[in-house]
Amino acid sequence: MSLSRVRALAIVGVLLIAAAVVVVWTLVSDDQGTRASGGRTCAAGAKPAATAVPKEKDVTLNVYNSTDRSGLAQSTAKSMRGVGFKIKSVKQDPTGAVVHDTAQVRFGRKAVGAAQLVRAYVQGAKPAYDPNRDDDTVDLVLGEGFTQVLGPTEVKQAEIALGVPSPPPGTC
């Protein structure tokens, strides 16, 4: 066997060993499972929250009017339906509360990401997490400061400004 052939086999052997080391190191240090859950682990007693932001077509929305402006919930529901939200109920706020801000977005642990998306459509909407709520619908309660649903460009900017939804207290 010639010296050049031995040298070539030695180089190939070293490269194979280096490749094996890189593959093993990559598999051992893989953290995709941790990142898929947002790097979170559930504490004892905590319930998992749906923090992934869905598409509009995957969000069921109740539109409630807490003001004395007639037709506000109807026109807003029409706008929200127009961008793809599924509208379940449109009426006066069943709690009877008066929202002085722009709007309030009520949700449970199964709709954390969906509530974030709804908030992007209504500038200044305040989140109202209900730990006892166990459905995946979101309530958009229109307040005295409400004027309009935002357009596509403003929604994208609002989504960036709001950032990634965080799990509420008692959830993971």
C-alpha atoms as a PDB file:
ATOM      1  CA  MET A   1       0.000   0.000   0.000  1.00  0.00           C
ATOM      2  CA  SER A   2       1.434   3.341  -0.959  1.00  0.00           C
ATOM      3  CA  LEU A   3       2.092   6.150   1.467  1.00  0.00           C
ATOM      4  CA  SER A   4      -0.455   8.421  -0.238  1.00  0.00           C
ATOM      5  CA  ARG A   5      -3.177   5.762   0.085  1.00  0.00           C
ATOM      6  CA  VAL A   6      -2.440   5.313   3.818  1.00  0.00           C
ATOM      7  CA  ARG A   7      -2.539   9.062   4.300  1.00  0.00           C
ATOM      8  CA  ALA A   8      -5.924   9.266   2.475  1.00  0.00           C
ATOM      9  CA  LEU A   9      -7.399   6.447   4.590  1.00  0.00           C
ATOM     10  CA  ALA A  10      -6.151   8.131   7.769  1.00  0.00           C
ATOM     11  CA  ILE A  11      -7.788  11.422   6.766  1.00  0.00           C
ATOM     12  CA  VAL A  12     -11.074   9.668   5.904  1.00  0.00           C
ATOM     13  CA  GLY A  13     -10.958   7.826   9.247  1.00  0.00           C
ATOM     14  CA  VAL A  14     -10.432  11.077  11.172  1.00  0.00           C
ATOM     15  CA  LEU A  15     -13.291  12.721   9.281  1.00  0.00           C
ATOM     16  CA  LEU A  16     -15.624   9.776  10.064  1.00  0.00           C
ATOM     17  CA  ILE A  17     -14.754   9.954  13.751  1.00  0.00           C
ATOM     18  CA  ALA A  18     -15.301  13.734  13.779  1.00  0.00           C
ATOM     19  CA  ALA A  19     -18.683  13.292  12.056  1.00  0.00           C
ATOM     20  CA  ALA A  20     -19.733  10.662  14.595  1.00  0.00           C
ATOM     21  CA  VAL A  21     -18.758  12.972  17.469  1.00  0.00           C
ATOM     22  CA  VAL A  22     -20.771  15.850  15.961  1.00  0.00           C
ATOM     23  CA  VAL A  23     -23.856  13.635  15.444  1.00  0.00           C
ATOM     24  CA  VAL A  24     -23.739  12.273  19.002  1.00  0.00           C
ATOM     25  CA  TRP A  25     -23.201  15.747  20.479  1.00  0.00           C
ATOM     26  CA  THR A  26     -26.119  17.144  18.459  1.00  0.00           C
ATOM     27  CA  LEU A  27     -28.488  14.396  19.584  1.00  0.00           C
ATOM     28  CA  VAL A  28     -27.477  14.730  23.238  1.00  0.00           C
ATOM     29  CA  SER A  29     -27.838  18.522  23.317  1.00  0.00           C
ATOM     30  CA  ASP A  30     -31.159  18.612  21.392  1.00  0.00           C
ATOM     31  CA  ASP A  31     -33.701  20.754  23.270  1.00  0.00           C
ATOM     32  CA  GLN A  32     -36.538  20.904  20.733  1.00  0.00           C
ATOM     33  CA  GLY A  33     -38.953  19.212  23.141  1.00  0.00           C
ATOM     34  CA  THR A  34     -38.249  21.866  25.759  1.00  0.00           C
ATOM     35  CA  ARG A  35     -38.571  24.718  23.270  1.00  0.00           C
ATOM     36  CA  ALA A  36     -41.830  23.324  21.858  1.00  0.00           C
ATOM     37  CA  SER A  37     -43.422  23.820  25.268  1.00  0.00           C
ATOM     38  CA  GLY A  38     -41.920  27.283  25.546  1.00  0.00           C
ATOM     39  CA  GLY A  39     -39.234  25.951  27.878  1.00  0.00           C
ATOM     40  CA  ARG A  40     -41.888  25.453  30.540  1.00  0.00           C
ATOM     41  CA  THR A  41     -42.550  22.607  32.863  1.00  0.00           C
ATOM     42  CA  CYS A  42     -45.770  22.378  34.829  1.00  0.00           C
ATOM     43  CA  ALA A  43     -45.585  22.871  38.569  1.00  0.00           C
ATOM     44  CA  ALA A  44     -47.713  20.680  40.775  1.00  0.00           C
ATOM     45  CA  GLY A  45     -51.367  21.695  40.453  1.00  0.00           C
ATOM     46  CA  ALA A  46     -50.798  23.947  37.444  1.00  0.00           C
ATOM     47  CA  LYS A  47     -52.904  23.342  34.355  1.00  0.00           C
ATOM     48  CA  PRO A  48     -51.517  23.682  30.836  1.00  0.00           C
ATOM     49  CA  ALA A  49     -52.474  26.841  28.948  1.00  0.00           C
ATOM     50  CA  ALA A  50     -52.914  27.160  25.189  1.00  0.00           C
ATOM     51  CA  THR A  51     -50.436  29.958  24.501  1.00  0.00           C
ATOM     52  CA  ALA A  52     -49.959  29.330  20.778  1.00  0.00           C
ATOM     53  CA  VAL A  53     -51.512  32.140  18.750  1.00  0.00           C
ATOM     54  CA  PRO A  54     -54.009  30.557  16.317  1.00  0.00           C
ATOM     55  CA  LYS A  55     -55.274  31.817  12.977  1.00  0.00           C
ATOM     56  CA  GLU A  56     -58.450  33.918  13.003  1.00  0.00           C
ATOM     57  CA  LYS A  57     -60.491  31.064  11.495  1.00  0.00           C
ATOM     58  CA  ASP A  58     -59.667  28.935  14.548  1.00  0.00           C
ATOM     59  CA  VAL A  59     -60.961  31.444  17.135  1.00  0.00           C
ATOM     60  CA  THR A  60     -64.540  31.409  18.410  1.00  0.00           C
ATOM     61  CA  LEU A  61     -65.545  34.848  19.601  1.00  0.00           C
ATOM     62  CA  ASN A  62     -68.415  36.315  21.615  1.00  0.00           C
ATOM     63  CA  VAL A  63     -68.887  40.036  20.995  1.00  0.00           C
ATOM     64  CA  TYR A  64     -70.532  41.893  23.867  1.00  0.00           C
ATOM     65  CA  ASN A  65     -71.509  45.538  24.172  1.00  0.00           C
ATOM     66  CA  SER A  66     -71.064  47.104  27.600  1.00  0.00           C
ATOM     67  CA  THR A  67     -72.093  50.577  26.436  1.00  0.00           C
ATOM     68  CA  ASP A  68     -75.420  52.219  25.625  1.00  0.00           C
ATOM     69  CA  ARG A  69     -74.445  52.621  21.932  1.00  0.00           C
ATOM     70  CA  SER A  70     -76.974  50.638  19.921  1.00  0.00           C
ATOM     71  CA  GLY A  71     -75.630  48.247  17.284  1.00  0.00           C
ATOM     72  CA  LEU A  72     -72.004  48.458  18.436  1.00  0.00           C
ATOM     73  CA  ALA A  73     -71.655  44.715  19.032  1.00  0.00           C
ATOM     74  CA  GLN A  74     -73.397  43.891  15.738  1.00  0.00           C
ATOM     75  CA  SER A  75     -71.136  46.087  13.602  1.00  0.00           C
ATOM     76  CA  THR A  76     -68.005  44.910  15.410  1.00  0.00           C
ATOM     77  CA  ALA A  77     -69.023  41.263  15.039  1.00  0.00           C
ATOM     78  CA  LYS A  78     -69.499  41.865  11.316  1.00  0.00           C
ATOM     79  CA  SER A  79     -65.977  43.324  11.072  1.00  0.00           C
ATOM     80  CA  MET A  80     -64.461  40.454  13.063  1.00  0.00           C
ATOM     81  CA  ARG A  81     -66.334  37.882  10.975  1.00  0.00           C
ATOM     82  CA  GLY A  82     -64.998  39.629   7.872  1.00  0.00           C
ATOM     83  CA  VAL A  83     -61.402  38.894   8.872  1.00  0.00           C
ATOM     84  CA  GLY A  84     -62.170  35.265   9.640  1.00  0.00           C
ATOM     85  CA  PHE A  85     -63.228  34.951  13.286  1.00  0.00           C
ATOM     86  CA  LYS A  86     -66.065  32.543  14.100  1.00  0.00           C
ATOM     87  CA  ILE A  87     -68.749  34.557  15.905  1.00  0.00           C
ATOM     88  CA  LYS A  88     -70.757  32.626  18.469  1.00  0.00           C
ATOM     89  CA  SER A  89     -72.784  35.271  20.300  1.00  0.00           C
ATOM     90  CA  VAL A  90     -73.509  38.976  19.816  1.00  0.00           C
ATOM     91  CA  LYS A  91     -75.386  40.850  22.573  1.00  0.00           C
ATOM     92  CA  GLN A  92     -75.162  43.156  25.572  1.00  0.00           C
ATOM     93  CA  ASP A  93     -72.574  42.089  28.137  1.00  0.00           C
ATOM     94  CA  PRO A  94     -74.258  39.349  30.216  1.00  0.00           C
ATOM     95  CA  THR A  95     -72.327  40.391  33.331  1.00  0.00           C
ATOM     96  CA  GLY A  96     -73.773  43.904  33.157  1.00  0.00           C
ATOM     97  CA  ALA A  97     -70.345  45.412  33.802  1.00  0.00           C
ATOM     98  CA  VAL A  98     -69.484  48.741  32.217  1.00  0.00           C
ATOM     99  CA  VAL A  99     -66.074  48.777  30.546  1.00  0.00           C
ATOM    100  CA  HIS A 100     -64.660  52.303  30.600  1.00  0.00           C
ATOM    101  CA  ASP A 101     -61.607  51.419  28.484  1.00  0.00           C
ATOM    102  CA  THR A 102     -61.566  50.552  24.796  1.00  0.00           C
ATOM    103  CA  ALA A 103     -62.456  46.918  25.380  1.00  0.00           C
ATOM    104  CA  GLN A 104     -61.907  43.955  27.633  1.00  0.00           C
ATOM    105  CA  VAL A 105     -60.904  40.516  26.353  1.00  0.00           C
ATOM    106  CA  ARG A 106     -62.121  37.733  28.652  1.00  0.00           C
ATOM    107  CA  PHE A 107     -60.685  34.239  28.333  1.00  0.00           C
ATOM    108  CA  GLY A 108     -59.702  31.042  30.113  1.00  0.00           C
ATOM    109  CA  ARG A 109     -56.559  28.924  30.040  1.00  0.00           C
ATOM    110  CA  LYS A 110     -57.558  27.219  26.780  1.00  0.00           C
ATOM    111  CA  ALA A 111     -57.683  30.539  24.903  1.00  0.00           C
ATOM    112  CA  VAL A 112     -54.592  32.473  26.024  1.00  0.00           C
ATOM    113  CA  GLY A 113     -53.127  32.687  22.517  1.00  0.00           C
ATOM    114  CA  ALA A 114     -56.541  33.366  20.971  1.00  0.00           C
ATOM    115  CA  ALA A 115     -57.117  36.240  23.397  1.00  0.00           C
ATOM    116  CA  GLN A 116     -53.765  37.730  22.397  1.00  0.00           C
ATOM    117  CA  LEU A 117     -54.856  37.645  18.748  1.00  0.00           C
ATOM    118  CA  VAL A 118     -58.174  39.350  19.556  1.00  0.00           C
ATOM    119  CA  ARG A 119     -56.326  42.045  21.536  1.00  0.00           C
ATOM    120  CA  ALA A 120     -54.235  42.778  18.424  1.00  0.00           C
ATOM    121  CA  TYR A 121     -57.436  43.734  16.577  1.00  0.00           C
ATOM    122  CA  VAL A 122     -58.634  46.177  19.222  1.00  0.00           C
ATOM    123  CA  GLN A 123     -56.097  48.791  20.247  1.00  0.00           C
ATOM    124  CA  GLY A 124     -55.955  49.217  24.015  1.00  0.00           C
ATOM    125  CA  ALA A 125     -58.041  46.120  24.830  1.00  0.00           C
ATOM    126  CA  LYS A 126     -57.286  44.883  28.342  1.00  0.00           C
ATOM    127  CA  PRO A 127     -56.916  41.168  29.070  1.00  0.00           C
ATOM    128  CA  ALA A 128     -59.202  39.624  31.707  1.00  0.00           C
ATOM    129  CA  TYR A 129     -58.119  36.080  32.547  1.00  0.00           C
ATOM    130  CA  ASP A 130     -60.691  33.877  34.288  1.00  0.00           C
ATOM    131  CA  PRO A 131     -59.050  30.858  35.976  1.00  0.00           C
ATOM    132  CA  ASN A 132     -62.438  29.146  36.332  1.00  0.00           C
ATOM    133  CA  ARG A 133     -63.249  29.312  32.630  1.00  0.00           C
ATOM    134  CA  ASP A 134     -62.702  25.998  30.895  1.00  0.00           C
ATOM    135  CA  ASP A 135     -63.727  26.679  27.284  1.00  0.00           C
ATOM    136  CA  ASP A 136     -61.714  27.963  24.353  1.00  0.00           C
ATOM    137  CA  THR A 137     -63.952  30.878  23.373  1.00  0.00           C
ATOM    138  CA  VAL A 138     -62.938  34.495  23.807  1.00  0.00           C
ATOM    139  CA  ASP A 139     -65.260  37.319  24.875  1.00  0.00           C
ATOM    140  CA  LEU A 140     -64.643  40.716  23.316  1.00  0.00           C
ATOM    141  CA  VAL A 141     -66.451  43.196  25.568  1.00  0.00           C
ATOM    142  CA  LEU A 142     -66.643  46.593  23.883  1.00  0.00           C
ATOM    143  CA  GLY A 143     -66.188  49.571  26.146  1.00  0.00           C
ATOM    144  CA  GLU A 144     -66.885  53.279  26.109  1.00  0.00           C
ATOM    145  CA  GLY A 145     -63.544  54.034  24.419  1.00  0.00           C
ATOM    146  CA  PHE A 146     -64.059  51.627  21.519  1.00  0.00           C
ATOM    147  CA  THR A 147     -64.043  53.144  18.036  1.00  0.00           C
ATOM    148  CA  GLN A 148     -63.029  50.503  15.484  1.00  0.00           C
ATOM    149  CA  VAL A 149     -61.363  47.219  14.651  1.00  0.00           C
ATOM    150  CA  LEU A 150     -57.814  47.740  13.372  1.00  0.00           C
ATOM    151  CA  GLY A 151     -56.763  47.075   9.782  1.00  0.00           C
ATOM    152  CA  PRO A 152     -54.263  44.422   8.660  1.00  0.00           C
ATOM    153  CA  THR A 153     -51.143  46.603   8.920  1.00  0.00           C
ATOM    154  CA  GLU A 154     -52.025  47.852  12.404  1.00  0.00           C
ATOM    155  CA  VAL A 155     -52.881  44.299  13.516  1.00  0.00           C
ATOM    156  CA  LYS A 156     -49.449  43.021  12.455  1.00  0.00           C
ATOM    157  CA  GLN A 157     -47.798  45.901  14.328  1.00  0.00           C
ATOM    158  CA  ALA A 158     -49.941  45.182  17.400  1.00  0.00           C
ATOM    159  CA  GLU A 159     -49.039  41.486  17.297  1.00  0.00           C
ATOM    160  CA  ILE A 160     -45.360  42.411  17.350  1.00  0.00           C
ATOM    161  CA  ALA A 161     -45.881  44.915  20.171  1.00  0.00           C
ATOM    162  CA  LEU A 162     -47.878  42.426  22.276  1.00  0.00           C
ATOM    163  CA  GLY A 163     -45.207  39.757  21.841  1.00  0.00           C
ATOM    164  CA  VAL A 164     -45.517  36.110  22.774  1.00  0.00           C
ATOM    165  CA  PRO A 165     -48.377  35.272  25.148  1.00  0.00           C
ATOM    166  CA  SER A 166     -47.363  34.183  28.643  1.00  0.00           C
ATOM    167  CA  PRO A 167     -49.220  31.565  30.635  1.00  0.00           C
ATOM    168  CA  PRO A 168     -51.386  33.202  33.323  1.00  0.00           C
ATOM    169  CA  PRO A 169     -50.846  32.481  37.032  1.00  0.00           C
ATOM    170  CA  GLY A 170     -51.703  28.903  37.962  1.00  0.00           C
ATOM    171  CA  THR A 171     -51.031  27.626  34.447  1.00  0.00           C
ATOM    172  CA  CYS A 172     -47.991  26.460  32.568  1.00  0.00           C
END
